[in-house]
């Protein structure tokens, strides 16, 4: 079990935590903060351009026949999760900063890379996982801002036309442009997958540093004591356990075969750090972003650990059968 947990730990989380520590002790301020914000916004644009370029139409078409499975995954991602998020946010006595962060977490799309990787390890339907995860990320560009507007309007500062413009220019236009250019740049992106991955993660680290810098300047750590961090971790663990249990039960109740049930389990229970951090940077005021993404960062690591253990158990089961 210890070896499984070690294998599940994500080194990128260490980089994120180091970025938070750096922002806590050396936050960007004044003119430097404005410069970093411009660079972080450029990183968001680049990130979604690359997301669009990586989206494979062939993979989507290959998995479209499993429409019942894909609709179920989308229901788990954009219906079940938000309902649970509303339930958590309504808990009596829950600090507002925790309620906001937990609710935002539940409104995000599914991951792509890790959901597909865990499905593959567990001997699930990889083509369907590619389709479900990619479609979830694509719809998330529209649905996540809409859900934030409907469920978190006051927290996000309302849903002004300025917010719409930022979403279109920083998320949608780069994504669509990258996807339309895929016939020209798709091979380059595939050949330089490792460099592209570093670019993705570097962009997120920039956004995290800028967000936490603004939050620290506004007194983040005076508002978020250790007890609140522990509370966020406990709520994230409970949320993950509930969704894993519900998606597992739904796979059996709906009569999915083993391979498709695995897709539902892994694609329907995960939330994307890669999409969530830049989306928060666009949707929320700078000083709020650091607080809002704290639950996402904790949930991300918990889902990696839990899903790695589950995927390996499925793989061992497949080898024994």
C-alpha atoms as a PDB file:
ATOM      1  CA  UNK A   1       0.000   0.000   0.000  1.00  0.00           C
ATOM      2  CA  UNK A   2       2.842   2.416   0.846  1.00  0.00           C
ATOM      3  CA  UNK A   3       4.442   1.772  -2.547  1.00  0.00           C
ATOM      4  CA  UNK A   4       1.107   2.467  -4.248  1.00  0.00           C
ATOM      5  CA  UNK A   5       0.744   5.778  -2.451  1.00  0.00           C
ATOM      6  CA  UNK A   6       4.304   6.779  -3.310  1.00  0.00           C
ATOM      7  CA  UNK A   7       3.636   6.027  -6.955  1.00  0.00           C
ATOM      8  CA  UNK A   8       0.475   8.125  -6.844  1.00  0.00           C
ATOM      9  CA  UNK A   9       2.139  11.244  -5.418  1.00  0.00           C
ATOM     10  CA  UNK A  10       2.362  13.877  -8.135  1.00  0.00           C
ATOM     11  CA  UNK A  11       5.696  15.779  -8.256  1.00  0.00           C
ATOM     12  CA  UNK A  12       3.805  18.654  -9.846  1.00  0.00           C
ATOM     13  CA  UNK A  13       1.937  19.159  -6.586  1.00  0.00           C
ATOM     14  CA  UNK A  14       5.328  19.771  -4.948  1.00  0.00           C
ATOM     15  CA  UNK A  15       6.021  22.469  -7.550  1.00  0.00           C
ATOM     16  CA  UNK A  16       2.612  24.017  -6.886  1.00  0.00           C
ATOM     17  CA  UNK A  17       3.204  24.030  -3.130  1.00  0.00           C
ATOM     18  CA  UNK A  18       6.642  25.600  -3.636  1.00  0.00           C
ATOM     19  CA  UNK A  19       5.000  28.270  -5.776  1.00  0.00           C
ATOM     20  CA  UNK A  20       2.505  28.978  -2.994  1.00  0.00           C
ATOM     21  CA  UNK A  21       5.360  29.237  -0.464  1.00  0.00           C
ATOM     22  CA  UNK A  22       7.274  31.593  -2.780  1.00  0.00           C
ATOM     23  CA  UNK A  23       4.195  33.785  -3.211  1.00  0.00           C
ATOM     24  CA  UNK A  24       3.644  33.761   0.560  1.00  0.00           C
ATOM     25  CA  UNK A  25       7.139  35.054   1.359  1.00  0.00           C
ATOM     26  CA  UNK A  26       7.915  36.994  -1.827  1.00  0.00           C
ATOM     27  CA  UNK A  27       4.570  38.092  -3.306  1.00  0.00           C
ATOM     28  CA  UNK A  28       4.511  40.098  -6.512  1.00  0.00           C
ATOM     29  CA  UNK A  29       3.601  43.687  -5.689  1.00  0.00           C
ATOM     30  CA  UNK A  30       3.287  47.033  -7.456  1.00  0.00           C
ATOM     31  CA  UNK A  31       4.598  47.198 -10.998  1.00  0.00           C
ATOM     32  CA  UNK A  32       6.035  43.678 -10.789  1.00  0.00           C
ATOM     33  CA  UNK A  33       2.576  42.341  -9.917  1.00  0.00           C
ATOM     34  CA  UNK A  34       1.079  44.033 -12.983  1.00  0.00           C
ATOM     35  CA  UNK A  35       3.824  42.582 -15.181  1.00  0.00           C
ATOM     36  CA  UNK A  36       3.269  39.098 -13.749  1.00  0.00           C
ATOM     37  CA  UNK A  37      -0.487  39.423 -14.333  1.00  0.00           C
ATOM     38  CA  UNK A  38       0.125  40.230 -18.010  1.00  0.00           C
ATOM     39  CA  UNK A  39       2.478  37.247 -18.333  1.00  0.00           C
ATOM     40  CA  UNK A  40      -0.004  34.972 -16.520  1.00  0.00           C
ATOM     41  CA  UNK A  41      -2.827  36.069 -18.845  1.00  0.00           C
ATOM     42  CA  UNK A  42      -0.609  35.301 -21.838  1.00  0.00           C
ATOM     43  CA  UNK A  43       0.054  31.897 -20.273  1.00  0.00           C
ATOM     44  CA  UNK A  44      -3.703  31.247 -20.027  1.00  0.00           C
ATOM     45  CA  UNK A  45      -4.130  32.071 -23.709  1.00  0.00           C
ATOM     46  CA  UNK A  46      -1.245  29.751 -24.641  1.00  0.00           C
ATOM     47  CA  UNK A  47      -2.592  26.997 -22.393  1.00  0.00           C
ATOM     48  CA  UNK A  48      -6.026  26.932 -24.035  1.00  0.00           C
ATOM     49  CA  UNK A  49      -4.510  27.252 -27.513  1.00  0.00           C
ATOM     50  CA  UNK A  50      -2.517  24.085 -26.820  1.00  0.00           C
ATOM     51  CA  UNK A  51      -5.599  22.356 -25.339  1.00  0.00           C
ATOM     52  CA  UNK A  52      -7.379  23.030 -28.617  1.00  0.00           C
ATOM     53  CA  UNK A  53      -4.443  21.821 -30.688  1.00  0.00           C
ATOM     54  CA  UNK A  54      -4.286  18.550 -28.705  1.00  0.00           C
ATOM     55  CA  UNK A  55      -8.001  17.754 -29.080  1.00  0.00           C
ATOM     56  CA  UNK A  56      -8.213  14.871 -31.549  1.00  0.00           C
ATOM     57  CA  UNK A  57     -11.308  14.721 -33.738  1.00  0.00           C
ATOM     58  CA  UNK A  58     -10.415  11.142 -34.677  1.00  0.00           C
ATOM     59  CA  UNK A  59     -10.435  10.025 -31.047  1.00  0.00           C
ATOM     60  CA  UNK A  60     -13.760  11.741 -30.453  1.00  0.00           C
ATOM     61  CA  UNK A  61     -15.355  10.107 -33.491  1.00  0.00           C
ATOM     62  CA  UNK A  62     -13.977   6.730 -32.411  1.00  0.00           C
ATOM     63  CA  UNK A  63     -15.796   6.940 -29.106  1.00  0.00           C
ATOM     64  CA  UNK A  64     -19.036   8.654 -30.104  1.00  0.00           C
ATOM     65  CA  UNK A  65     -20.915   5.366 -30.328  1.00  0.00           C
ATOM     66  CA  UNK A  66     -20.939   5.144 -26.534  1.00  0.00           C
ATOM     67  CA  UNK A  67     -23.403   8.022 -26.165  1.00  0.00           C
ATOM     68  CA  UNK A  68     -25.097   6.600 -23.039  1.00  0.00           C
ATOM     69  CA  UNK A  69     -21.720   6.405 -21.333  1.00  0.00           C
ATOM     70  CA  UNK A  70     -20.709   9.931 -22.367  1.00  0.00           C
ATOM     71  CA  UNK A  71     -24.002  11.447 -21.207  1.00  0.00           C
ATOM     72  CA  UNK A  72     -23.610   9.678 -17.869  1.00  0.00           C
ATOM     73  CA  UNK A  73     -20.066  11.012 -17.461  1.00  0.00           C
ATOM     74  CA  UNK A  74     -21.255  14.538 -18.296  1.00  0.00           C
ATOM     75  CA  UNK A  75     -24.125  14.177 -15.822  1.00  0.00           C
ATOM     76  CA  UNK A  76     -21.665  13.179 -13.104  1.00  0.00           C
ATOM     77  CA  UNK A  77     -19.344  16.077 -13.974  1.00  0.00           C
ATOM     78  CA  UNK A  78     -21.840  18.894 -14.471  1.00  0.00           C
ATOM     79  CA  UNK A  79     -24.918  17.761 -12.489  1.00  0.00           C
ATOM     80  CA  UNK A  80     -23.910  15.413  -9.671  1.00  0.00           C
ATOM     81  CA  UNK A  81     -20.797  17.327  -8.668  1.00  0.00           C
ATOM     82  CA  UNK A  82     -22.505  20.765  -8.622  1.00  0.00           C
ATOM     83  CA  UNK A  83     -25.411  19.377  -6.560  1.00  0.00           C
ATOM     84  CA  UNK A  84     -22.946  18.003  -4.028  1.00  0.00           C
ATOM     85  CA  UNK A  85     -21.087  21.310  -4.135  1.00  0.00           C
ATOM     86  CA  UNK A  86     -24.285  23.205  -3.337  1.00  0.00           C
ATOM     87  CA  UNK A  87     -24.905  20.807  -0.463  1.00  0.00           C
ATOM     88  CA  UNK A  88     -21.417  21.407   0.930  1.00  0.00           C
ATOM     89  CA  UNK A  89     -21.707  25.187   0.504  1.00  0.00           C
ATOM     90  CA  UNK A  90     -24.981  25.125   2.439  1.00  0.00           C
ATOM     91  CA  UNK A  91     -23.448  23.424   5.503  1.00  0.00           C
ATOM     92  CA  UNK A  92     -24.146  25.580   8.579  1.00  0.00           C
ATOM     93  CA  UNK A  93     -21.144  27.416   9.972  1.00  0.00           C
ATOM     94  CA  UNK A  94     -18.936  26.743   6.946  1.00  0.00           C
ATOM     95  CA  UNK A  95     -16.582  29.693   6.276  1.00  0.00           C
ATOM     96  CA  UNK A  96     -17.488  31.593   3.122  1.00  0.00           C
ATOM     97  CA  UNK A  97     -14.016  31.138   1.632  1.00  0.00           C
ATOM     98  CA  UNK A  98     -14.287  27.362   2.031  1.00  0.00           C
ATOM     99  CA  UNK A  99     -17.829  27.243   0.624  1.00  0.00           C
ATOM    100  CA  UNK A 100     -16.797  29.275  -2.427  1.00  0.00           C
ATOM    101  CA  UNK A 101     -13.717  27.176  -3.153  1.00  0.00           C
ATOM    102  CA  UNK A 102     -15.520  23.859  -2.733  1.00  0.00           C
ATOM    103  CA  UNK A 103     -18.396  24.974  -4.951  1.00  0.00           C
ATOM    104  CA  UNK A 104     -16.056  26.231  -7.672  1.00  0.00           C
ATOM    105  CA  UNK A 105     -14.213  22.895  -7.580  1.00  0.00           C
ATOM    106  CA  UNK A 106     -17.436  21.016  -8.334  1.00  0.00           C
ATOM    107  CA  UNK A 107     -18.213  23.177 -11.390  1.00  0.00           C
ATOM    108  CA  UNK A 108     -15.059  22.281 -13.316  1.00  0.00           C
ATOM    109  CA  UNK A 109     -14.678  19.799 -16.208  1.00  0.00           C
ATOM    110  CA  UNK A 110     -12.989  16.427 -15.892  1.00  0.00           C
ATOM    111  CA  UNK A 111      -9.274  15.881 -16.347  1.00  0.00           C
ATOM    112  CA  UNK A 112      -7.993  14.527 -19.647  1.00  0.00           C
ATOM    113  CA  UNK A 113      -4.519  12.999 -19.271  1.00  0.00           C
ATOM    114  CA  UNK A 114      -4.918  11.355 -15.855  1.00  0.00           C
ATOM    115  CA  UNK A 115      -8.462  10.079 -16.535  1.00  0.00           C
ATOM    116  CA  UNK A 116      -7.246   8.386 -19.719  1.00  0.00           C
ATOM    117  CA  UNK A 117      -4.093   7.083 -18.017  1.00  0.00           C
ATOM    118  CA  UNK A 118      -6.004   5.500 -15.128  1.00  0.00           C
ATOM    119  CA  UNK A 119      -8.559   4.001 -17.529  1.00  0.00           C
ATOM    120  CA  UNK A 120      -5.705   2.431 -19.481  1.00  0.00           C
ATOM    121  CA  UNK A 121      -4.041   1.043 -16.327  1.00  0.00           C
ATOM    122  CA  UNK A 122      -7.364  -0.455 -15.191  1.00  0.00           C
ATOM    123  CA  UNK A 123      -7.898  -2.105 -18.633  1.00  0.00           C
ATOM    124  CA  UNK A 124     -10.909   0.078 -19.430  1.00  0.00           C
ATOM    125  CA  UNK A 125     -12.250   1.460 -22.722  1.00  0.00           C
ATOM    126  CA  UNK A 126      -9.489   3.947 -23.578  1.00  0.00           C
ATOM    127  CA  UNK A 127     -11.120   5.265 -26.791  1.00  0.00           C
ATOM    128  CA  UNK A 128     -14.314   6.080 -24.882  1.00  0.00           C
ATOM    129  CA  UNK A 129     -12.266   7.690 -22.086  1.00  0.00           C
ATOM    130  CA  UNK A 130     -10.512   9.934 -24.601  1.00  0.00           C
ATOM    131  CA  UNK A 131     -13.883  10.975 -26.007  1.00  0.00           C
ATOM    132  CA  UNK A 132     -15.538  11.565 -22.611  1.00  0.00           C
ATOM    133  CA  UNK A 133     -12.627  13.479 -21.098  1.00  0.00           C
ATOM    134  CA  UNK A 134     -12.047  15.608 -24.197  1.00  0.00           C
ATOM    135  CA  UNK A 135     -15.732  16.421 -24.589  1.00  0.00           C
ATOM    136  CA  UNK A 136     -15.973  17.318 -20.899  1.00  0.00           C
ATOM    137  CA  UNK A 137     -13.053  19.739 -21.244  1.00  0.00           C
ATOM    138  CA  UNK A 138     -14.542  21.279 -24.379  1.00  0.00           C
ATOM    139  CA  UNK A 139     -17.980  21.770 -22.812  1.00  0.00           C
ATOM    140  CA  UNK A 140     -16.339  23.092 -19.652  1.00  0.00           C
ATOM    141  CA  UNK A 141     -15.230  26.212 -21.499  1.00  0.00           C
ATOM    142  CA  UNK A 142     -18.933  27.094 -21.845  1.00  0.00           C
ATOM    143  CA  UNK A 143     -20.563  25.311 -18.907  1.00  0.00           C
ATOM    144  CA  UNK A 144     -18.157  26.206 -16.106  1.00  0.00           C
ATOM    145  CA  UNK A 145     -18.469  30.010 -16.581  1.00  0.00           C
ATOM    146  CA  UNK A 146     -22.240  29.596 -16.956  1.00  0.00           C
ATOM    147  CA  UNK A 147     -22.499  27.531 -13.760  1.00  0.00           C
ATOM    148  CA  UNK A 148     -20.264  30.014 -11.919  1.00  0.00           C
ATOM    149  CA  UNK A 149     -22.561  32.809 -13.064  1.00  0.00           C
ATOM    150  CA  UNK A 150     -25.696  30.953 -11.960  1.00  0.00           C
ATOM    151  CA  UNK A 151     -24.444  29.498  -8.683  1.00  0.00           C
ATOM    152  CA  UNK A 152     -21.667  31.880  -7.633  1.00  0.00           C
ATOM    153  CA  UNK A 153     -22.724  35.153  -9.257  1.00  0.00           C
ATOM    154  CA  UNK A 154     -22.215  37.308  -6.193  1.00  0.00           C
ATOM    155  CA  UNK A 155     -18.902  35.674  -5.272  1.00  0.00           C
ATOM    156  CA  UNK A 156     -17.538  36.014  -8.787  1.00  0.00           C
ATOM    157  CA  UNK A 157     -18.507  39.644  -8.954  1.00  0.00           C
ATOM    158  CA  UNK A 158     -21.491  39.031 -11.211  1.00  0.00           C
ATOM    159  CA  UNK A 159     -21.529  37.966 -14.834  1.00  0.00           C
ATOM    160  CA  UNK A 160     -20.819  41.225 -16.643  1.00  0.00           C
ATOM    161  CA  UNK A 161     -20.175  41.680 -20.326  1.00  0.00           C
ATOM    162  CA  UNK A 162     -16.563  42.314 -19.340  1.00  0.00           C
ATOM    163  CA  UNK A 163     -16.421  38.802 -17.887  1.00  0.00           C
ATOM    164  CA  UNK A 164     -17.948  37.399 -21.083  1.00  0.00           C
ATOM    165  CA  UNK A 165     -15.323  39.221 -23.134  1.00  0.00           C
ATOM    166  CA  UNK A 166     -12.490  37.820 -21.001  1.00  0.00           C
ATOM    167  CA  UNK A 167     -13.856  34.291 -21.308  1.00  0.00           C
ATOM    168  CA  UNK A 168     -14.200  34.574 -25.074  1.00  0.00           C
ATOM    169  CA  UNK A 169     -10.797  36.196 -25.670  1.00  0.00           C
ATOM    170  CA  UNK A 170      -8.716  34.240 -23.155  1.00  0.00           C
ATOM    171  CA  UNK A 171     -10.388  30.818 -23.270  1.00  0.00           C
ATOM    172  CA  UNK A 172     -12.672  30.239 -26.235  1.00  0.00           C
ATOM    173  CA  UNK A 173     -10.842  32.002 -29.074  1.00  0.00           C
ATOM    174  CA  UNK A 174      -7.439  30.413 -28.278  1.00  0.00           C
ATOM    175  CA  UNK A 175      -9.042  26.981 -27.870  1.00  0.00           C
ATOM    176  CA  UNK A 176     -10.948  27.145 -31.171  1.00  0.00           C
ATOM    177  CA  UNK A 177      -7.920  28.620 -32.981  1.00  0.00           C
ATOM    178  CA  UNK A 178      -5.667  25.850 -31.700  1.00  0.00           C
ATOM    179  CA  UNK A 179      -8.139  23.184 -32.749  1.00  0.00           C
ATOM    180  CA  UNK A 180      -8.636  24.674 -36.222  1.00  0.00           C
ATOM    181  CA  UNK A 181      -4.857  24.783 -36.670  1.00  0.00           C
ATOM    182  CA  UNK A 182      -4.458  21.174 -35.540  1.00  0.00           C
ATOM    183  CA  UNK A 183      -4.011  19.879 -39.149  1.00  0.00           C
ATOM    184  CA  UNK A 184      -0.990  22.204 -39.421  1.00  0.00           C
ATOM    185  CA  UNK A 185       0.501  21.994 -35.932  1.00  0.00           C
ATOM    186  CA  UNK A 186      -0.867  18.681 -34.608  1.00  0.00           C
ATOM    187  CA  UNK A 187       2.196  16.705 -35.657  1.00  0.00           C
ATOM    188  CA  UNK A 188       4.510  19.290 -34.058  1.00  0.00           C
ATOM    189  CA  UNK A 189       2.523  19.170 -30.812  1.00  0.00           C
ATOM    190  CA  UNK A 190       2.663  15.367 -30.804  1.00  0.00           C
ATOM    191  CA  UNK A 191       6.439  15.306 -31.467  1.00  0.00           C
ATOM    192  CA  UNK A 192       7.138  17.795 -28.688  1.00  0.00           C
ATOM    193  CA  UNK A 193       4.681  16.394 -26.152  1.00  0.00           C
ATOM    194  CA  UNK A 194       7.120  16.715 -23.244  1.00  0.00           C
ATOM    195  CA  UNK A 195       7.976  20.351 -24.008  1.00  0.00           C
ATOM    196  CA  UNK A 196       4.279  21.139 -24.466  1.00  0.00           C
ATOM    197  CA  UNK A 197       3.594  19.516 -21.099  1.00  0.00           C
ATOM    198  CA  UNK A 198       6.199  21.748 -19.443  1.00  0.00           C
ATOM    199  CA  UNK A 199       4.604  24.758 -21.127  1.00  0.00           C
ATOM    200  CA  UNK A 200       1.168  23.746 -19.820  1.00  0.00           C
ATOM    201  CA  UNK A 201       2.422  23.320 -16.290  1.00  0.00           C
ATOM    202  CA  UNK A 202       4.609  26.400 -16.399  1.00  0.00           C
ATOM    203  CA  UNK A 203       1.591  28.485 -17.415  1.00  0.00           C
ATOM    204  CA  UNK A 204      -0.390  27.135 -14.469  1.00  0.00           C
ATOM    205  CA  UNK A 205       2.470  27.859 -12.065  1.00  0.00           C
ATOM    206  CA  UNK A 206       2.537  31.459 -13.311  1.00  0.00           C
ATOM    207  CA  UNK A 207      -1.190  31.821 -12.672  1.00  0.00           C
ATOM    208  CA  UNK A 208      -0.843  30.250  -9.212  1.00  0.00           C
ATOM    209  CA  UNK A 209       2.035  32.573  -8.270  1.00  0.00           C
ATOM    210  CA  UNK A 210       0.162  35.655  -9.466  1.00  0.00           C
ATOM    211  CA  UNK A 211      -3.070  34.576  -7.767  1.00  0.00           C
ATOM    212  CA  UNK A 212      -1.483  33.743  -4.426  1.00  0.00           C
ATOM    213  CA  UNK A 213       0.629  36.887  -4.506  1.00  0.00           C
ATOM    214  CA  UNK A 214      -2.504  39.013  -4.808  1.00  0.00           C
ATOM    215  CA  UNK A 215      -4.233  36.966  -2.105  1.00  0.00           C
ATOM    216  CA  UNK A 216      -1.265  37.182   0.295  1.00  0.00           C
ATOM    217  CA  UNK A 217      -1.111  40.963  -0.131  1.00  0.00           C
ATOM    218  CA  UNK A 218      -4.820  41.011   0.788  1.00  0.00           C
ATOM    219  CA  UNK A 219      -4.160  38.957   3.967  1.00  0.00           C
ATOM    220  CA  UNK A 220      -4.794  35.402   2.764  1.00  0.00           C
ATOM    221  CA  UNK A 221      -3.061  33.581   5.597  1.00  0.00           C
ATOM    222  CA  UNK A 222      -4.804  35.672   8.227  1.00  0.00           C
ATOM    223  CA  UNK A 223      -8.117  34.433   6.805  1.00  0.00           C
ATOM    224  CA  UNK A 224      -7.028  30.810   6.190  1.00  0.00           C
ATOM    225  CA  UNK A 225      -5.593  29.227   9.371  1.00  0.00           C
ATOM    226  CA  UNK A 226      -4.417  25.609   9.569  1.00  0.00           C
ATOM    227  CA  UNK A 227      -7.800  24.483  10.881  1.00  0.00           C
ATOM    228  CA  UNK A 228      -9.470  25.730   7.693  1.00  0.00           C
ATOM    229  CA  UNK A 229      -6.935  23.861   5.523  1.00  0.00           C
ATOM    230  CA  UNK A 230      -7.706  20.667   7.459  1.00  0.00           C
ATOM    231  CA  UNK A 231     -11.430  21.294   6.968  1.00  0.00           C
ATOM    232  CA  UNK A 232     -10.938  21.730   3.212  1.00  0.00           C
ATOM    233  CA  UNK A 233      -8.966  18.470   3.044  1.00  0.00           C
ATOM    234  CA  UNK A 234     -11.687  16.577   4.936  1.00  0.00           C
ATOM    235  CA  UNK A 235     -14.471  17.987   2.765  1.00  0.00           C
ATOM    236  CA  UNK A 236     -12.494  17.150  -0.381  1.00  0.00           C
ATOM    237  CA  UNK A 237     -11.968  13.570   0.801  1.00  0.00           C
ATOM    238  CA  UNK A 238     -15.671  13.145   1.571  1.00  0.00           C
ATOM    239  CA  UNK A 239     -16.646  14.660  -1.792  1.00  0.00           C
ATOM    240  CA  UNK A 240     -14.281  12.340  -3.665  1.00  0.00           C
ATOM    241  CA  UNK A 241     -15.496   9.272  -1.760  1.00  0.00           C
ATOM    242  CA  UNK A 242     -19.139  10.132  -2.500  1.00  0.00           C
ATOM    243  CA  UNK A 243     -18.560  10.619  -6.235  1.00  0.00           C
ATOM    244  CA  UNK A 244     -16.433   7.487  -6.554  1.00  0.00           C
ATOM    245  CA  UNK A 245     -19.134   5.480  -4.791  1.00  0.00           C
ATOM    246  CA  UNK A 246     -21.975   6.959  -6.842  1.00  0.00           C
ATOM    247  CA  UNK A 247     -20.233   6.555 -10.218  1.00  0.00           C
ATOM    248  CA  UNK A 248     -19.271   2.959  -9.351  1.00  0.00           C
ATOM    249  CA  UNK A 249     -22.879   2.163  -8.368  1.00  0.00           C
ATOM    250  CA  UNK A 250     -24.233   3.959 -11.462  1.00  0.00           C
ATOM    251  CA  UNK A 251     -22.041   1.866 -13.747  1.00  0.00           C
ATOM    252  CA  UNK A 252     -23.552  -1.304 -12.312  1.00  0.00           C
ATOM    253  CA  UNK A 253     -27.126   0.037 -12.219  1.00  0.00           C
ATOM    254  CA  UNK A 254     -27.006   1.179 -15.864  1.00  0.00           C
ATOM    255  CA  UNK A 255     -25.652  -2.173 -17.034  1.00  0.00           C
ATOM    256  CA  UNK A 256     -22.329  -0.934 -18.430  1.00  0.00           C
ATOM    257  CA  UNK A 257     -19.757  -3.608 -19.121  1.00  0.00           C
ATOM    258  CA  UNK A 258     -16.561  -3.640 -17.090  1.00  0.00           C
ATOM    259  CA  UNK A 259     -14.568  -1.498 -19.555  1.00  0.00           C
ATOM    260  CA  UNK A 260     -17.220   1.235 -19.801  1.00  0.00           C
ATOM    261  CA  UNK A 261     -17.911   1.223 -16.054  1.00  0.00           C
ATOM    262  CA  UNK A 262     -14.217   1.974 -15.537  1.00  0.00           C
ATOM    263  CA  UNK A 263     -14.512   4.983 -17.857  1.00  0.00           C
ATOM    264  CA  UNK A 264     -17.454   6.314 -15.843  1.00  0.00           C
ATOM    265  CA  UNK A 265     -15.563   5.812 -12.584  1.00  0.00           C
ATOM    266  CA  UNK A 266     -12.412   7.648 -13.644  1.00  0.00           C
ATOM    267  CA  UNK A 267     -13.780  10.306 -16.014  1.00  0.00           C
ATOM    268  CA  UNK A 268     -16.843  11.061 -13.897  1.00  0.00           C
ATOM    269  CA  UNK A 269     -15.019  11.469 -10.581  1.00  0.00           C
ATOM    270  CA  UNK A 270     -12.149  13.795 -11.529  1.00  0.00           C
ATOM    271  CA  UNK A 271     -11.738  17.563 -11.730  1.00  0.00           C
ATOM    272  CA  UNK A 272      -9.183  19.368 -13.877  1.00  0.00           C
ATOM    273  CA  UNK A 273      -6.451  21.428 -12.243  1.00  0.00           C
ATOM    274  CA  UNK A 274      -5.133  22.357 -15.694  1.00  0.00           C
ATOM    275  CA  UNK A 275      -8.464  23.955 -16.657  1.00  0.00           C
ATOM    276  CA  UNK A 276      -9.536  25.094 -13.185  1.00  0.00           C
ATOM    277  CA  UNK A 277      -6.592  27.332 -12.309  1.00  0.00           C
ATOM    278  CA  UNK A 278      -6.659  29.468 -15.482  1.00  0.00           C
ATOM    279  CA  UNK A 279     -10.478  29.597 -15.431  1.00  0.00           C
ATOM    280  CA  UNK A 280     -10.374  30.932 -11.880  1.00  0.00           C
ATOM    281  CA  UNK A 281      -7.893  33.556 -13.053  1.00  0.00           C
ATOM    282  CA  UNK A 282     -10.397  34.739 -15.651  1.00  0.00           C
ATOM    283  CA  UNK A 283     -13.610  34.408 -13.623  1.00  0.00           C
ATOM    284  CA  UNK A 284     -12.617  35.869 -10.249  1.00  0.00           C
ATOM    285  CA  UNK A 285     -10.942  39.058  -9.027  1.00  0.00           C
ATOM    286  CA  UNK A 286      -7.178  38.571  -8.569  1.00  0.00           C
ATOM    287  CA  UNK A 287      -7.305  38.731  -4.769  1.00  0.00           C
ATOM    288  CA  UNK A 288      -9.916  35.923  -4.647  1.00  0.00           C
ATOM    289  CA  UNK A 289      -8.238  33.431  -6.970  1.00  0.00           C
ATOM    290  CA  UNK A 290      -5.737  32.072  -4.444  1.00  0.00           C
ATOM    291  CA  UNK A 291      -8.487  31.284  -1.944  1.00  0.00           C
ATOM    292  CA  UNK A 292     -10.805  29.792  -4.548  1.00  0.00           C
ATOM    293  CA  UNK A 293      -8.268  27.305  -5.948  1.00  0.00           C
ATOM    294  CA  UNK A 294      -7.075  25.939  -2.579  1.00  0.00           C
ATOM    295  CA  UNK A 295      -9.722  23.156  -2.503  1.00  0.00           C
ATOM    296  CA  UNK A 296      -8.927  22.293  -6.132  1.00  0.00           C
ATOM    297  CA  UNK A 297      -5.229  21.823  -5.342  1.00  0.00           C
ATOM    298  CA  UNK A 298      -5.998  19.528  -2.398  1.00  0.00           C
ATOM    299  CA  UNK A 299      -8.703  17.601  -4.272  1.00  0.00           C
ATOM    300  CA  UNK A 300      -6.352  17.110  -7.216  1.00  0.00           C
ATOM    301  CA  UNK A 301      -3.783  15.251  -5.127  1.00  0.00           C
ATOM    302  CA  UNK A 302      -6.428  13.194  -3.324  1.00  0.00           C
ATOM    303  CA  UNK A 303      -8.002  12.079  -6.607  1.00  0.00           C
ATOM    304  CA  UNK A 304      -4.610  11.033  -7.988  1.00  0.00           C
ATOM    305  CA  UNK A 305      -3.826   8.901  -4.929  1.00  0.00           C
ATOM    306  CA  UNK A 306      -7.272   7.283  -4.757  1.00  0.00           C
ATOM    307  CA  UNK A 307      -7.574   6.613  -8.491  1.00  0.00           C
ATOM    308  CA  UNK A 308      -4.049   5.190  -8.723  1.00  0.00           C
ATOM    309  CA  UNK A 309      -4.850   2.653  -6.008  1.00  0.00           C
ATOM    310  CA  UNK A 310      -8.197   1.785  -7.626  1.00  0.00           C
ATOM    311  CA  UNK A 311      -6.704   1.487 -11.134  1.00  0.00           C
ATOM    312  CA  UNK A 312      -4.001  -0.878  -9.939  1.00  0.00           C
ATOM    313  CA  UNK A 313      -6.578  -2.985  -8.134  1.00  0.00           C
ATOM    314  CA  UNK A 314      -8.607  -3.243 -11.364  1.00  0.00           C
ATOM    315  CA  UNK A 315      -5.425  -4.174 -13.289  1.00  0.00           C
ATOM    316  CA  UNK A 316      -4.574  -6.928 -10.802  1.00  0.00           C
ATOM    317  CA  UNK A 317      -8.156  -8.201 -11.028  1.00  0.00           C
ATOM    318  CA  UNK A 318      -7.916  -8.320 -14.840  1.00  0.00           C
ATOM    319  CA  UNK A 319      -4.638 -10.234 -14.686  1.00  0.00           C
ATOM    320  CA  UNK A 320      -6.114 -12.799 -12.292  1.00  0.00           C
ATOM    321  CA  UNK A 321      -9.253 -13.393 -14.371  1.00  0.00           C
END
